[in-house]
Amino acid sequence: MFAVSSVSGGVAAVAAYYGGLPAIPPGITAAYFGLMAARISANNAYNTGVYVGITWAFVFDIEPQ
């Protein structure tokens, strides 16, 4: 949680200084990895681990073990 909020703060600082265009790629990256972290936490309910499959197009599939 703290890493995502610090990245969001950095994105906001870049957007405020340089404008919105340079802040788009890190914002998309933060959203992608934030979603992945939430899915991993949801699928690891019993602390048994998860299997994460990621394709070349960054489409991920998370399954509990």
PDB file of N, CA and C in Angstrom:
ATOM      1  N   MET A   1       0.806  -1.191   0.000  1.00  0.00           N
ATOM      2  CA  MET A   1       0.000   0.000   0.000  1.00  0.00           C
ATOM      3  C   MET A   1       0.853   1.260   0.000  1.00  0.00           C
ATOM      4  N   PHE A   2       1.929   1.287   0.803  1.00  0.00           N
ATOM      5  CA  PHE A   2       2.723   2.505   0.893  1.00  0.00           C
ATOM      6  C   PHE A   2       3.475   2.775  -0.392  1.00  0.00           C
ATOM      7  N   ALA A   3       3.920   1.734  -1.077  1.00  0.00           N
ATOM      8  CA  ALA A   3       4.656   1.936  -2.325  1.00  0.00           C
ATOM      9  C   ALA A   3       3.753   2.545  -3.392  1.00  0.00           C
ATOM     10  N   VAL A   4       2.504   2.106  -3.452  1.00  0.00           N
ATOM     11  CA  VAL A   4       1.587   2.643  -4.449  1.00  0.00           C
ATOM     12  C   VAL A   4       1.289   4.107  -4.161  1.00  0.00           C
ATOM     13  N   SER A   5       1.099   4.465  -2.910  1.00  0.00           N
ATOM     14  CA  SER A   5       0.800   5.854  -2.592  1.00  0.00           C
ATOM     15  C   SER A   5       2.006   6.753  -2.824  1.00  0.00           C
ATOM     16  N   SER A   6       3.228   6.234  -2.606  1.00  0.00           N
ATOM     17  CA  SER A   6       4.406   7.050  -2.882  1.00  0.00           C
ATOM     18  C   SER A   6       4.599   7.236  -4.377  1.00  0.00           C
ATOM     19  N   VAL A   7       4.295   6.213  -5.162  1.00  0.00           N
ATOM     20  CA  VAL A   7       4.363   6.353  -6.621  1.00  0.00           C
ATOM     21  C   VAL A   7       3.308   7.339  -7.094  1.00  0.00           C
ATOM     22  N   SER A   8       2.125   7.280  -6.523  1.00  0.00           N
ATOM     23  CA  SER A   8       1.064   8.218  -6.895  1.00  0.00           C
ATOM     24  C   SER A   8       1.461   9.649  -6.558  1.00  0.00           C
ATOM     25  N   GLY A   9       2.136   9.830  -5.433  1.00  0.00           N
ATOM     26  CA  GLY A   9       2.616  11.157  -5.073  1.00  0.00           C
ATOM     27  C   GLY A   9       3.669  11.654  -6.046  1.00  0.00           C
ATOM     28  N   GLY A  10       4.548  10.759  -6.493  1.00  0.00           N
ATOM     29  CA  GLY A  10       5.549  11.127  -7.488  1.00  0.00           C
ATOM     30  C   GLY A  10       4.921  11.475  -8.825  1.00  0.00           C
ATOM     31  N   VAL A  11       3.899  10.731  -9.215  1.00  0.00           N
ATOM     32  CA  VAL A  11       3.182  11.017 -10.456  1.00  0.00           C
ATOM     33  C   VAL A  11       2.518  12.383 -10.373  1.00  0.00           C
ATOM     34  N   ALA A  12       1.931  12.693  -9.230  1.00  0.00           N
ATOM     35  CA  ALA A  12       1.290  13.996  -9.056  1.00  0.00           C
ATOM     36  C   ALA A  12       2.314  15.128  -9.108  1.00  0.00           C
ATOM     37  N   ALA A  13       3.499  14.904  -8.534  1.00  0.00           N
ATOM     38  CA  ALA A  13       4.540  15.938  -8.573  1.00  0.00           C
ATOM     39  C   ALA A  13       5.036  16.169  -9.995  1.00  0.00           C
ATOM     40  N   VAL A  14       5.221  15.091 -10.755  1.00  0.00           N
ATOM     41  CA  VAL A  14       5.656  15.225 -12.155  1.00  0.00           C
ATOM     42  C   VAL A  14       4.584  15.937 -12.968  1.00  0.00           C
ATOM     43  N   ALA A  15       3.325  15.580 -12.742  1.00  0.00           N
ATOM     44  CA  ALA A  15       2.231  16.214 -13.479  1.00  0.00           C
ATOM     45  C   ALA A  15       2.128  17.705 -13.149  1.00  0.00           C
ATOM     46  N   ALA A  16       2.368  18.059 -11.895  1.00  0.00           N
ATOM     47  CA  ALA A  16       2.283  19.462 -11.513  1.00  0.00           C
ATOM     48  C   ALA A  16       3.420  20.279 -12.119  1.00  0.00           C
ATOM     49  N   TYR A  17       4.598  19.684 -12.243  1.00  0.00           N
ATOM     50  CA  TYR A  17       5.756  20.426 -12.726  1.00  0.00           C
ATOM     51  C   TYR A  17       5.845  20.447 -14.245  1.00  0.00           C
ATOM     52  N   TYR A  18       5.685  19.295 -14.894  1.00  0.00           N
ATOM     53  CA  TYR A  18       5.876  19.184 -16.334  1.00  0.00           C
ATOM     54  C   TYR A  18       4.579  19.162 -17.135  1.00  0.00           C
ATOM     55  N   GLY A  19       3.469  19.036 -16.486  1.00  0.00           N
ATOM     56  CA  GLY A  19       2.204  18.875 -17.191  1.00  0.00           C
ATOM     57  C   GLY A  19       1.767  17.418 -17.132  1.00  0.00           C
ATOM     58  N   GLY A  20       0.619  17.134 -17.678  1.00  0.00           N
ATOM     59  CA  GLY A  20       0.051  15.791 -17.565  1.00  0.00           C
ATOM     60  C   GLY A  20       0.679  14.728 -18.430  1.00  0.00           C
ATOM     61  N   LEU A  21       1.229  15.093 -19.579  1.00  0.00           N
ATOM     62  CA  LEU A  21       1.716  14.091 -20.521  1.00  0.00           C
ATOM     63  C   LEU A  21       2.846  13.217 -19.979  1.00  0.00           C
ATOM     64  N   PRO A  22       3.880  13.746 -19.322  1.00  0.00           N
ATOM     65  CA  PRO A  22       4.921  12.859 -18.791  1.00  0.00           C
ATOM     66  C   PRO A  22       4.461  12.007 -17.615  1.00  0.00           C
ATOM     67  N   ALA A  23       3.337  12.328 -17.017  1.00  0.00           N
ATOM     68  CA  ALA A  23       2.859  11.570 -15.864  1.00  0.00           C
ATOM     69  C   ALA A  23       2.006  10.373 -16.261  1.00  0.00           C
ATOM     70  N   ILE A  24       1.649  10.255 -17.526  1.00  0.00           N
ATOM     71  CA  ILE A  24       0.771   9.155 -17.946  1.00  0.00           C
ATOM     72  C   ILE A  24       1.448   7.783 -17.839  1.00  0.00           C
ATOM     73  N   PRO A  25       2.660   7.562 -18.376  1.00  0.00           N
ATOM     74  CA  PRO A  25       3.264   6.220 -18.269  1.00  0.00           C
ATOM     75  C   PRO A  25       3.468   5.729 -16.837  1.00  0.00           C
ATOM     76  N   PRO A  26       4.021   6.543 -15.913  1.00  0.00           N
ATOM     77  CA  PRO A  26       4.139   6.014 -14.554  1.00  0.00           C
ATOM     78  C   PRO A  26       2.786   5.821 -13.867  1.00  0.00           C
ATOM     79  N   GLY A  27       1.790   6.598 -14.253  1.00  0.00           N
ATOM     80  CA  GLY A  27       0.462   6.413 -13.677  1.00  0.00           C
ATOM     81  C   GLY A  27      -0.166   5.100 -14.109  1.00  0.00           C
ATOM     82  N   ILE A  28       0.003   4.762 -15.384  1.00  0.00           N
ATOM     83  CA  ILE A  28      -0.511   3.485 -15.893  1.00  0.00           C
ATOM     84  C   ILE A  28       0.223   2.325 -15.242  1.00  0.00           C
ATOM     85  N   THR A  29       1.543   2.461 -15.091  1.00  0.00           N
ATOM     86  CA  THR A  29       2.333   1.407 -14.455  1.00  0.00           C
ATOM     87  C   THR A  29       1.911   1.208 -13.002  1.00  0.00           C
ATOM     88  N   ALA A  30       1.707   2.297 -12.269  1.00  0.00           N
ATOM     89  CA  ALA A  30       1.276   2.188 -10.871  1.00  0.00           C
ATOM     90  C   ALA A  30      -0.097   1.536 -10.764  1.00  0.00           C
ATOM     91  N   ALA A  31      -0.993   1.869 -11.672  1.00  0.00           N
ATOM     92  CA  ALA A  31      -2.326   1.257 -11.655  1.00  0.00           C
ATOM     93  C   ALA A  31      -2.256  -0.236 -11.959  1.00  0.00           C
ATOM     94  N   TYR A  32      -1.406  -0.623 -12.929  1.00  0.00           N
ATOM     95  CA  TYR A  32      -1.265  -2.037 -13.314  1.00  0.00           C
ATOM     96  C   TYR A  32      -0.736  -2.864 -12.146  1.00  0.00           C
ATOM     97  N   PHE A  33       0.361  -2.395 -11.532  1.00  0.00           N
ATOM     98  CA  PHE A  33       0.944  -3.166 -10.442  1.00  0.00           C
ATOM     99  C   PHE A  33       0.100  -3.086  -9.174  1.00  0.00           C
ATOM    100  N   GLY A  34      -0.649  -2.015  -8.986  1.00  0.00           N
ATOM    101  CA  GLY A  34      -1.589  -1.953  -7.875  1.00  0.00           C
ATOM    102  C   GLY A  34      -2.701  -2.979  -8.029  1.00  0.00           C
ATOM    103  N   LEU A  35      -3.208  -3.129  -9.261  1.00  0.00           N
ATOM    104  CA  LEU A  35      -4.228  -4.144  -9.535  1.00  0.00           C
ATOM    105  C   LEU A  35      -3.668  -5.541  -9.332  1.00  0.00           C
ATOM    106  N   MET A  36      -2.430  -5.770  -9.802  1.00  0.00           N
ATOM    107  CA  MET A  36      -1.812  -7.081  -9.635  1.00  0.00           C
ATOM    108  C   MET A  36      -1.627  -7.406  -8.150  1.00  0.00           C
ATOM    109  N   ALA A  37      -1.197  -6.451  -7.354  1.00  0.00           N
ATOM    110  CA  ALA A  37      -1.019  -6.681  -5.919  1.00  0.00           C
ATOM    111  C   ALA A  37      -2.343  -6.993  -5.241  1.00  0.00           C
ATOM    112  N   ALA A  38      -3.400  -6.308  -5.633  1.00  0.00           N
ATOM    113  CA  ALA A  38      -4.716  -6.579  -5.053  1.00  0.00           C
ATOM    114  C   ALA A  38      -5.206  -7.971  -5.416  1.00  0.00           C
ATOM    115  N   ARG A  39      -4.980  -8.390  -6.658  1.00  0.00           N
ATOM    116  CA  ARG A  39      -5.397  -9.735  -7.083  1.00  0.00           C
ATOM    117  C   ARG A  39      -4.593 -10.822  -6.374  1.00  0.00           C
ATOM    118  N   ILE A  40      -3.289 -10.571  -6.167  1.00  0.00           N
ATOM    119  CA  ILE A  40      -2.461 -11.547  -5.451  1.00  0.00           C
ATOM    120  C   ILE A  40      -2.941 -11.668  -4.015  1.00  0.00           C
ATOM    121  N   SER A  41      -3.230 -10.563  -3.365  1.00  0.00           N
ATOM    122  CA  SER A  41      -3.721 -10.603  -1.986  1.00  0.00           C
ATOM    123  C   SER A  41      -5.065 -11.319  -1.896  1.00  0.00           C
ATOM    124  N   ALA A  42      -5.929 -11.108  -2.867  1.00  0.00           N
ATOM    125  CA  ALA A  42      -7.246 -11.751  -2.846  1.00  0.00           C
ATOM    126  C   ALA A  42      -7.140 -13.255  -3.064  1.00  0.00           C
ATOM    127  N   ASN A  43      -6.200 -13.692  -3.908  1.00  0.00           N
ATOM    128  CA  ASN A  43      -6.072 -15.121  -4.200  1.00  0.00           C
ATOM    129  C   ASN A  43      -5.200 -15.859  -3.198  1.00  0.00           C
ATOM    130  N   ASN A  44      -4.547 -15.163  -2.299  1.00  0.00           N
ATOM    131  CA  ASN A  44      -3.691 -15.793  -1.300  1.00  0.00           C
ATOM    132  C   ASN A  44      -4.364 -15.726   0.064  1.00  0.00           C
ATOM    133  N   ALA A  45      -5.648 -16.058   0.111  1.00  0.00           N
ATOM    134  CA  ALA A  45      -6.434 -15.921   1.336  1.00  0.00           C
ATOM    135  C   ALA A  45      -5.944 -16.843   2.456  1.00  0.00           C
ATOM    136  N   TYR A  46      -5.471 -18.035   2.124  1.00  0.00           N
ATOM    137  CA  TYR A  46      -5.052 -18.998   3.143  1.00  0.00           C
ATOM    138  C   TYR A  46      -3.540 -19.058   3.287  1.00  0.00           C
ATOM    139  N   ASN A  47      -2.824 -18.087   2.727  1.00  0.00           N
ATOM    140  CA  ASN A  47      -1.365 -18.010   2.798  1.00  0.00           C
ATOM    141  C   ASN A  47      -0.685 -19.274   2.292  1.00  0.00           C
ATOM    142  N   THR A  48      -1.217 -19.835   1.229  1.00  0.00           N
ATOM    143  CA  THR A  48      -0.626 -21.041   0.635  1.00  0.00           C
ATOM    144  C   THR A  48       0.182 -20.717  -0.603  1.00  0.00           C
ATOM    145  N   GLY A  49       0.184 -19.476  -1.045  1.00  0.00           N
ATOM    146  CA  GLY A  49       0.935 -19.075  -2.226  1.00  0.00           C
ATOM    147  C   GLY A  49       0.032 -18.968  -3.436  1.00  0.00           C
ATOM    148  N   VAL A  50       0.561 -18.355  -4.469  1.00  0.00           N
ATOM    149  CA  VAL A  50      -0.179 -18.175  -5.709  1.00  0.00           C
ATOM    150  C   VAL A  50       0.718 -18.497  -6.888  1.00  0.00           C
ATOM    151  N   TYR A  51       0.106 -18.826  -8.009  1.00  0.00           N
ATOM    152  CA  TYR A  51       0.796 -19.002  -9.277  1.00  0.00           C
ATOM    153  C   TYR A  51       0.436 -17.803 -10.145  1.00  0.00           C
ATOM    154  N   VAL A  52       1.448 -17.081 -10.617  1.00  0.00           N
ATOM    155  CA  VAL A  52       1.227 -15.909 -11.450  1.00  0.00           C
ATOM    156  C   VAL A  52       1.768 -16.207 -12.838  1.00  0.00           C
ATOM    157  N   GLY A  53       0.891 -16.183 -13.823  1.00  0.00           N
ATOM    158  CA  GLY A  53       1.296 -16.342 -15.214  1.00  0.00           C
ATOM    159  C   GLY A  53       1.151 -15.009 -15.930  1.00  0.00           C
ATOM    160  N   ILE A  54       2.235 -14.564 -16.591  1.00  0.00           N
ATOM    161  CA  ILE A  54       2.211 -13.291 -17.301  1.00  0.00           C
ATOM    162  C   ILE A  54       2.624 -13.539 -18.744  1.00  0.00           C
ATOM    163  N   THR A  55       1.831 -13.043 -19.686  1.00  0.00           N
ATOM    164  CA  THR A  55       2.154 -13.204 -21.100  1.00  0.00           C
ATOM    165  C   THR A  55       3.056 -12.076 -21.564  1.00  0.00           C
ATOM    166  N   TRP A  56       3.496 -12.157 -22.795  1.00  0.00           N
ATOM    167  CA  TRP A  56       4.367 -11.122 -23.358  1.00  0.00           C
ATOM    168  C   TRP A  56       3.646  -9.781 -23.476  1.00  0.00           C
ATOM    169  N   ALA A  57       2.320  -9.801 -23.489  1.00  0.00           N
ATOM    170  CA  ALA A  57       1.532  -8.575 -23.585  1.00  0.00           C
ATOM    171  C   ALA A  57       1.130  -8.051 -22.199  1.00  0.00           C
ATOM    172  N   PHE A  58       1.753  -8.579 -21.142  1.00  0.00           N
ATOM    173  CA  PHE A  58       1.499  -8.185 -19.753  1.00  0.00           C
ATOM    174  C   PHE A  58       0.077  -8.486 -19.296  1.00  0.00           C
ATOM    175  N   VAL A  59      -0.540  -9.498 -19.861  1.00  0.00           N
ATOM    176  CA  VAL A  59      -1.824  -9.994 -19.368  1.00  0.00           C
ATOM    177  C   VAL A  59      -1.492 -11.036 -18.305  1.00  0.00           C
ATOM    178  N   PHE A  60      -2.050 -10.876 -17.121  1.00  0.00           N
ATOM    179  CA  PHE A  60      -1.687 -11.808 -16.044  1.00  0.00           C
ATOM    180  C   PHE A  60      -2.873 -12.640 -15.608  1.00  0.00           C
ATOM    181  N   ASP A  61      -2.547 -13.832 -15.121  1.00  0.00           N
ATOM    182  CA  ASP A  61      -3.540 -14.753 -14.575  1.00  0.00           C
ATOM    183  C   ASP A  61      -2.983 -15.234 -13.240  1.00  0.00           C
ATOM    184  N   ILE A  62      -3.752 -15.044 -12.182  1.00  0.00           N
ATOM    185  CA  ILE A  62      -3.307 -15.403 -10.837  1.00  0.00           C
ATOM    186  C   ILE A  62      -4.229 -16.488 -10.298  1.00  0.00           C
ATOM    187  N   GLU A  63      -3.617 -17.591  -9.888  1.00  0.00           N
ATOM    188  CA  GLU A  63      -4.390 -18.727  -9.358  1.00  0.00           C
ATOM    189  C   GLU A  63      -3.813 -19.136  -8.013  1.00  0.00           C
ATOM    190  N   PRO A  64      -4.684 -19.476  -7.060  1.00  0.00           N
ATOM    191  CA  PRO A  64      -4.162 -19.971  -5.774  1.00  0.00           C
ATOM    192  C   PRO A  64      -3.556 -21.358  -5.941  1.00  0.00           C
ATOM    193  N   GLN A  65      -2.594 -21.692  -5.097  1.00  0.00           N
ATOM    194  CA  GLN A  65      -1.985 -23.034  -5.168  1.00  0.00           C
ATOM    195  C   GLN A  65      -2.845 -24.029  -4.439  1.00  0.00           C
TER     196      GLN A  65
END
